[in-house]
Amino acid sequence: MRVLIGIAVALLAAATAPVHAQSTWPNKTITLVVPFPPGGGTDAFARPLSVYLTKQLGRQVIIDNRGGAGGTVGASIAAKAAPDGYTFFIGAVHHAIAPSFYPKLDYNIETDLVPLTVIANPPQVIVVNPTRVKADNFKDFLAFARGNPGKLNYASAGSGTSHHLAGELFKQQSNSFIVHIPYRGAGPALSDLISGNVDMMFDGLGSSAQHIRSGRIKALAIASPKRSPAFPNLPTTAEVGMPEYIVSTWYGIWGIKGTPKDILDRMHAEVVKAIATPELREIWANQGSDSATMSPDQFSRLIASDIKRWAKVTQTSGAKLD
């Protein structure tokens, strides 16, 4: 009888131990893997978010930048992390493009990572270096691009990113040809645009906003159905004659497959709470993004929908790794 009681106690302890461990989460530093170098759109939202999550959770939340291969290197690293609730992944629409662009990915964005919520949804903006591209407006720019095929180039965060495919979609819909120049992240690409080493970008408004305001780059149109409150004088692509050219550079947060559900639920709630603060709402608005969040199911459906959308653009354009 004593043996049976002892076994029962041991089994009870084993069964309750994980619950107790989860109830103490977090008790150490949490890492947000960002799959691009510092300075890009992902960083522009991930870093302020990490500050507020640190405040709310009472534990340090740090950014780990792991750039390369259009964001797929960082995604792969995150997908292989221990599912203990101390690693999360902050990715973007690029990761819905990657499955049709990188046929040998060693992770599956829909099964190896667990969607929690979109954290920001800034539209893309067509920006040029004003010293290299002398167009006063979108109409003049498009006339030059059509009349001089191959003379203009555009920078991207890498082959297979939204910057790249947005450029390919633009070329399809505008009947123009612009040379693609891939970088290892939006930060380096944007830096070269500002420096005058490339002509233009199809960039997320979140990373371009401050440079548009400073005059270092010039915005010609926003790829959104409506104007941005942050830039009310910037016309939409519909207003300049390209109503079907609508591109959003959404950013989101994922957990690691196998992470206890109560930890995932808690992180989702904490992220939603942080983004709802007046401080982050203001930061998001200044970067041209709304602060709407999603349920995990809604985010999962968005990912699946965009995988199909960008696969079609990739196939039609014939875009390949450069």
Protein backbone atom coordinates (compact mmCIF):
# COMPACT_ATOMS: atom_id res chain seq x y z
CA MET A 1 0.00 0.00 0.00
CA ARG A 2 2.82 2.38 0.89
CA VAL A 3 4.43 1.63 -2.45
CA LEU A 4 1.20 2.39 -4.28
CA ILE A 5 0.74 5.63 -2.33
CA GLY A 6 4.32 6.59 -3.13
CA ILE A 7 3.77 5.96 -6.83
CA ALA A 8 0.55 7.95 -6.77
CA VAL A 9 2.26 10.91 -5.09
CA ALA A 10 5.11 10.78 -7.62
CA LEU A 11 2.68 10.71 -10.54
CA LEU A 12 0.70 13.59 -9.09
CA ALA A 13 3.88 15.63 -8.66
CA ALA A 14 4.92 14.92 -12.24
CA ALA A 15 1.51 15.88 -13.57
CA THR A 16 1.38 19.16 -11.68
CA ALA A 17 4.98 20.23 -12.25
CA PRO A 18 4.46 21.62 -15.78
CA VAL A 19 1.40 23.55 -14.64
CA HIS A 20 3.42 25.10 -11.84
CA ALA A 21 6.26 25.92 -14.23
CA GLN A 22 3.87 27.62 -16.63
CA SER A 23 2.23 29.60 -13.84
CA THR A 24 5.58 31.22 -13.02
CA TRP A 25 6.15 32.39 -16.61
CA PRO A 26 8.07 34.49 -17.29
CA ASN A 27 10.97 34.04 -14.88
CA LYS A 28 13.83 34.94 -17.24
CA THR A 29 14.66 36.99 -20.35
CA ILE A 30 12.39 36.60 -23.40
CA THR A 31 13.86 36.80 -26.89
CA LEU A 32 12.08 38.16 -29.95
CA VAL A 33 13.83 36.85 -33.07
CA VAL A 34 13.72 39.52 -35.80
CA PRO A 35 14.82 38.03 -39.14
CA PHE A 36 16.30 41.20 -40.60
CA PRO A 37 19.20 43.52 -39.73
CA PRO A 38 18.51 46.59 -37.55
CA GLY A 39 16.99 49.64 -39.19
CA GLY A 40 14.20 48.10 -41.24
CA GLY A 41 10.43 48.10 -40.87
CA THR A 42 10.36 45.03 -38.63
CA ASP A 43 12.69 46.74 -36.17
CA ALA A 44 10.62 49.93 -36.29
CA PHE A 45 7.74 48.11 -34.63
CA ALA A 46 9.50 45.29 -32.77
CA ARG A 47 11.74 47.52 -30.65
CA PRO A 48 9.03 49.79 -29.19
CA LEU A 49 6.90 46.70 -28.59
CA SER A 50 9.75 44.99 -26.72
CA VAL A 51 10.05 47.99 -24.40
CA TYR A 52 6.37 47.81 -23.42
CA LEU A 53 6.37 44.05 -23.08
CA THR A 54 9.33 44.40 -20.70
CA LYS A 55 7.31 46.83 -18.59
CA GLN A 56 4.21 44.65 -18.55
CA LEU A 57 5.87 41.28 -17.97
CA GLY A 58 8.48 42.44 -15.48
CA ARG A 59 11.19 40.58 -17.40
CA GLN A 60 13.59 41.81 -20.06
CA VAL A 61 12.32 41.31 -23.62
CA ILE A 62 15.21 41.58 -26.06
CA ILE A 63 15.57 41.71 -29.85
CA ASP A 64 17.79 39.18 -31.62
CA ASN A 65 18.41 40.31 -35.22
CA ARG A 66 19.09 37.30 -37.49
CA GLY A 67 19.07 38.57 -41.07
CA GLY A 68 19.59 36.73 -44.33
CA ALA A 69 17.84 35.08 -47.29
CA GLY A 70 14.80 37.34 -47.31
CA GLY A 71 14.05 36.74 -43.64
CA THR A 72 14.08 32.95 -43.90
CA VAL A 73 17.31 32.46 -41.91
CA GLY A 74 15.78 34.08 -38.82
CA ALA A 75 12.52 32.20 -39.30
CA SER A 76 14.41 28.91 -39.46
CA ILE A 77 16.33 29.74 -36.26
CA ALA A 78 13.11 30.63 -34.46
CA ALA A 79 11.30 27.50 -35.67
CA LYS A 80 14.02 25.33 -34.13
CA ALA A 81 14.05 27.13 -30.76
CA ALA A 82 12.98 25.38 -27.57
CA PRO A 83 9.19 25.70 -27.13
CA ASP A 84 9.52 26.91 -23.54
CA GLY A 85 7.89 30.31 -23.94
CA TYR A 86 11.12 32.29 -24.00
CA THR A 87 11.51 32.63 -27.75
CA PHE A 88 9.03 34.31 -30.08
CA PHE A 89 9.31 35.31 -33.72
CA ILE A 90 8.47 38.66 -35.28
CA GLY A 91 8.09 38.29 -39.01
CA ALA A 92 6.26 39.97 -41.84
CA VAL A 93 4.37 39.52 -45.08
CA HIS A 94 7.75 38.40 -46.50
CA HIS A 95 7.19 35.07 -44.74
CA ALA A 96 3.99 34.48 -46.68
CA ILE A 97 5.97 35.08 -49.89
CA ALA A 98 8.91 32.81 -49.01
CA PRO A 99 7.15 29.42 -49.54
CA SER A 100 6.75 30.12 -53.28
CA PHE A 101 10.22 31.60 -53.59
CA TYR A 102 12.41 29.27 -51.56
CA PRO A 103 11.46 25.68 -52.49
CA LYS A 104 13.82 24.08 -49.96
CA LEU A 105 12.88 25.88 -46.73
CA ASP A 106 13.65 23.79 -43.65
CA TYR A 107 10.62 25.13 -41.79
CA ASN A 108 6.92 25.61 -42.51
CA ILE A 109 5.53 29.02 -41.55
CA GLU A 110 2.05 27.53 -41.12
CA THR A 111 2.96 24.53 -38.96
CA ASP A 112 6.31 25.10 -37.22
CA LEU A 113 5.40 28.53 -35.87
CA VAL A 114 2.16 29.49 -34.13
CA PRO A 115 0.49 32.73 -35.32
CA LEU A 116 -0.48 35.04 -32.45
CA THR A 117 -1.41 38.39 -33.97
CA VAL A 118 -0.56 41.07 -36.49
CA ILE A 119 1.27 43.86 -34.67
CA ALA A 120 1.27 46.54 -37.40
CA ASN A 121 -0.16 46.97 -40.87
CA PRO A 122 1.51 49.87 -42.70
CA PRO A 123 0.86 50.23 -46.43
CA GLN A 124 3.74 50.27 -48.87
CA VAL A 125 4.92 53.52 -50.36
CA ILE A 126 6.76 54.25 -53.60
CA VAL A 127 9.82 56.28 -52.66
CA VAL A 128 12.72 57.67 -54.71
CA ASN A 129 16.04 59.35 -54.07
CA PRO A 130 15.29 62.95 -55.11
CA THR A 131 18.81 63.59 -56.43
CA ARG A 132 18.73 60.53 -58.71
CA VAL A 133 15.07 60.61 -59.79
CA LYS A 134 14.01 64.11 -60.80
CA ALA A 135 10.28 63.42 -61.13
CA ASP A 136 8.08 65.97 -59.39
CA ASN A 137 5.16 63.57 -59.11
CA PHE A 138 4.06 60.01 -59.83
CA LYS A 139 2.87 60.82 -63.36
CA ASP A 140 6.29 62.17 -64.36
CA PHE A 141 8.04 59.23 -62.71
CA LEU A 142 5.90 56.65 -64.51
CA ALA A 143 6.38 58.39 -67.87
CA PHE A 144 10.16 58.26 -67.39
CA ALA A 145 10.11 54.61 -66.25
CA ARG A 146 8.04 53.54 -69.26
CA GLY A 147 10.15 55.55 -71.67
CA ASN A 148 13.46 54.29 -70.29
CA PRO A 149 13.14 50.55 -69.59
CA GLY A 150 15.97 49.24 -67.42
CA LYS A 151 17.41 52.66 -66.61
CA LEU A 152 15.88 52.84 -63.12
CA ASN A 153 16.64 50.37 -60.34
CA TYR A 154 14.91 49.54 -57.07
CA ALA A 155 16.31 48.21 -53.82
CA SER A 156 14.66 45.50 -51.75
CA ALA A 157 15.21 43.77 -48.43
CA GLY A 158 16.19 40.67 -50.40
CA SER A 159 14.91 38.35 -53.08
CA GLY A 160 11.47 37.04 -52.19
CA THR A 161 10.60 39.85 -49.79
CA SER A 162 7.53 42.05 -50.10
CA HIS A 163 9.74 44.88 -51.38
CA HIS A 164 10.86 42.64 -54.25
CA LEU A 165 7.44 41.23 -55.13
CA ALA A 166 5.83 44.67 -54.77
CA GLY A 167 8.26 45.84 -57.43
CA GLU A 168 7.41 42.91 -59.68
CA LEU A 169 3.69 43.54 -59.21
CA PHE A 170 4.24 47.22 -60.01
CA LYS A 171 6.09 46.34 -63.22
CA GLN A 172 3.24 44.03 -64.27
CA GLN A 173 0.53 46.58 -63.64
CA SER A 174 2.38 49.65 -64.96
CA ASN A 175 3.89 48.03 -68.06
CA SER A 176 7.37 49.18 -67.08
CA PHE A 177 10.76 47.57 -66.43
CA ILE A 178 12.89 48.51 -63.39
CA VAL A 179 16.00 46.57 -62.36
CA HIS A 180 15.87 44.77 -59.00
CA ILE A 181 18.79 45.13 -56.54
CA PRO A 182 18.42 42.86 -53.48
CA TYR A 183 19.98 43.60 -50.08
CA ARG A 184 20.26 41.67 -46.82
CA GLY A 185 17.41 43.56 -45.18
CA ALA A 186 15.33 46.73 -45.52
CA GLY A 187 17.74 48.69 -43.31
CA PRO A 188 20.75 48.35 -45.64
CA ALA A 189 18.52 48.87 -48.70
CA LEU A 190 17.01 52.03 -47.25
CA SER A 191 20.45 53.29 -46.25
CA ASP A 192 21.68 52.95 -49.83
CA LEU A 193 18.56 54.68 -51.14
CA ILE A 194 19.16 57.61 -48.80
CA SER A 195 22.85 57.70 -49.78
CA GLY A 196 21.97 57.84 -53.45
CA ASN A 197 23.37 54.46 -54.44
CA VAL A 198 20.01 53.26 -55.81
CA ASP A 199 17.07 55.03 -57.40
CA MET A 200 13.98 53.87 -55.56
CA MET A 201 12.18 51.42 -53.27
CA PHE A 202 8.77 49.94 -52.73
CA ASP A 203 9.00 50.19 -48.95
CA GLY A 204 6.77 49.82 -45.94
CA LEU A 205 5.67 53.25 -44.72
CA GLY A 206 6.81 52.32 -41.21
CA SER A 207 10.50 52.38 -42.11
CA SER A 208 10.34 55.19 -44.67
CA ALA A 209 8.23 57.68 -42.72
CA GLN A 210 10.99 59.54 -40.85
CA HIS A 211 13.13 59.81 -44.00
CA ILE A 212 10.21 61.15 -46.04
CA ARG A 213 9.64 63.81 -43.41
CA SER A 214 13.33 64.76 -43.40
CA GLY A 215 13.36 65.09 -47.20
CA ARG A 216 16.11 62.52 -47.65
CA ILE A 217 13.77 60.45 -49.82
CA LYS A 218 10.66 61.49 -51.71
CA ALA A 219 7.33 59.68 -51.62
CA LEU A 220 5.34 59.56 -54.85
CA ALA A 221 2.29 57.46 -53.92
CA ILE A 222 0.97 55.18 -51.22
CA ALA A 223 -0.24 51.69 -52.16
CA SER A 224 -3.43 51.93 -50.12
CA PRO A 225 -7.14 52.44 -50.84
CA LYS A 226 -7.10 55.60 -48.71
CA ARG A 227 -4.61 58.30 -47.78
CA SER A 228 -2.54 57.96 -44.65
CA PRO A 229 -3.39 60.35 -41.79
CA ALA A 230 0.37 60.61 -41.20
CA PHE A 231 0.87 61.87 -44.78
CA PRO A 232 -2.43 63.44 -45.85
CA ASN A 233 -0.90 65.10 -48.93
CA LEU A 234 0.47 61.84 -50.34
CA PRO A 235 -1.83 60.49 -53.08
CA THR A 236 -2.94 56.90 -53.22
CA THR A 237 -2.09 54.63 -56.13
CA ALA A 238 -5.79 54.72 -57.09
CA GLU A 239 -5.62 58.51 -57.34
CA VAL A 240 -2.61 58.34 -59.67
CA GLY A 241 -4.16 55.76 -62.00
CA MET A 242 -3.21 52.37 -60.52
CA PRO A 243 -6.26 51.36 -58.44
CA GLU A 244 -5.32 47.66 -58.31
CA TYR A 245 -1.87 48.29 -56.90
CA ILE A 246 -2.59 47.75 -53.20
CA VAL A 247 0.23 46.38 -51.05
CA SER A 248 0.47 46.12 -47.27
CA THR A 249 3.63 45.29 -45.35
CA TRP A 250 2.08 43.70 -42.30
CA TYR A 251 4.20 42.54 -39.36
CA GLY A 252 3.22 39.85 -36.87
CA ILE A 253 4.32 37.79 -33.91
CA TRP A 254 4.47 33.98 -33.72
CA GLY A 255 5.13 31.51 -30.94
CA ILE A 256 7.13 28.32 -31.34
CA LYS A 257 5.26 25.08 -32.05
CA GLY A 258 4.92 23.10 -28.81
CA THR A 259 4.89 26.13 -26.52
CA PRO A 260 2.22 25.63 -23.80
CA LYS A 261 -1.06 27.18 -24.87
CA ASP A 262 -1.48 29.21 -21.71
CA ILE A 263 1.84 30.94 -22.38
CA LEU A 264 0.84 31.65 -25.99
CA ASP A 265 -2.51 33.02 -24.79
CA ARG A 266 -0.76 35.20 -22.23
CA MET A 267 1.71 36.58 -24.77
CA HIS A 268 -1.12 37.32 -27.20
CA ALA A 269 -2.96 39.24 -24.50
CA GLU A 270 0.16 41.16 -23.47
CA VAL A 271 0.95 42.15 -27.08
CA VAL A 272 -2.62 43.34 -27.65
CA LYS A 273 -2.46 45.30 -24.39
CA ALA A 274 0.85 46.94 -25.32
CA ILE A 275 -0.30 47.98 -28.79
CA ALA A 276 -3.44 49.52 -27.28
CA THR A 277 -1.42 51.92 -25.09
CA PRO A 278 -1.58 55.59 -26.14
CA GLU A 279 2.21 55.67 -26.47
CA LEU A 280 2.44 52.82 -28.97
CA ARG A 281 -0.67 53.96 -30.81
CA GLU A 282 1.07 57.30 -31.38
CA ILE A 283 4.31 55.65 -32.54
CA TRP A 284 2.37 53.39 -34.91
CA ALA A 285 0.39 56.35 -36.31
CA ASN A 286 3.57 58.37 -36.90
CA GLN A 287 4.88 55.42 -38.90
CA GLY A 288 1.76 55.31 -41.02
CA SER A 289 0.26 52.18 -39.47
CA ASP A 290 -2.96 51.46 -37.69
CA SER A 291 -2.73 49.61 -34.39
CA ALA A 292 -5.32 46.93 -35.12
CA THR A 293 -4.56 43.44 -33.85
CA MET A 294 -6.05 40.03 -34.66
CA SER A 295 -7.01 36.79 -33.04
CA PRO A 296 -4.68 33.87 -33.77
CA ASP A 297 -7.29 32.38 -36.12
CA GLN A 298 -7.64 35.64 -38.05
CA PHE A 299 -3.88 35.94 -38.39
CA SER A 300 -3.62 32.35 -39.56
CA ARG A 301 -6.19 33.02 -42.29
CA LEU A 302 -4.32 36.16 -43.40
CA ILE A 303 -1.09 34.18 -43.76
CA ALA A 304 -2.80 31.46 -45.82
CA SER A 305 -4.47 34.04 -48.06
CA ASP A 306 -1.25 35.96 -48.69
CA ILE A 307 0.69 32.77 -49.45
CA LYS A 308 -1.75 32.17 -52.33
CA ARG A 309 -1.71 35.81 -53.48
CA TRP A 310 2.06 36.17 -53.68
CA ALA A 311 2.56 32.73 -55.18
CA LYS A 312 0.48 33.92 -58.13
CA VAL A 313 2.54 37.13 -58.45
CA THR A 314 5.77 35.11 -58.30
CA GLN A 315 4.56 32.69 -60.97
CA THR A 316 3.29 35.43 -63.28
CA SER A 317 6.41 37.56 -62.98
CA GLY A 318 8.87 34.69 -63.26
CA ALA A 319 10.82 36.30 -60.40
CA LYS A 320 13.74 34.24 -59.13
CA LEU A 321 16.49 34.51 -56.55
CA ASP A 322 19.05 37.10 -57.67
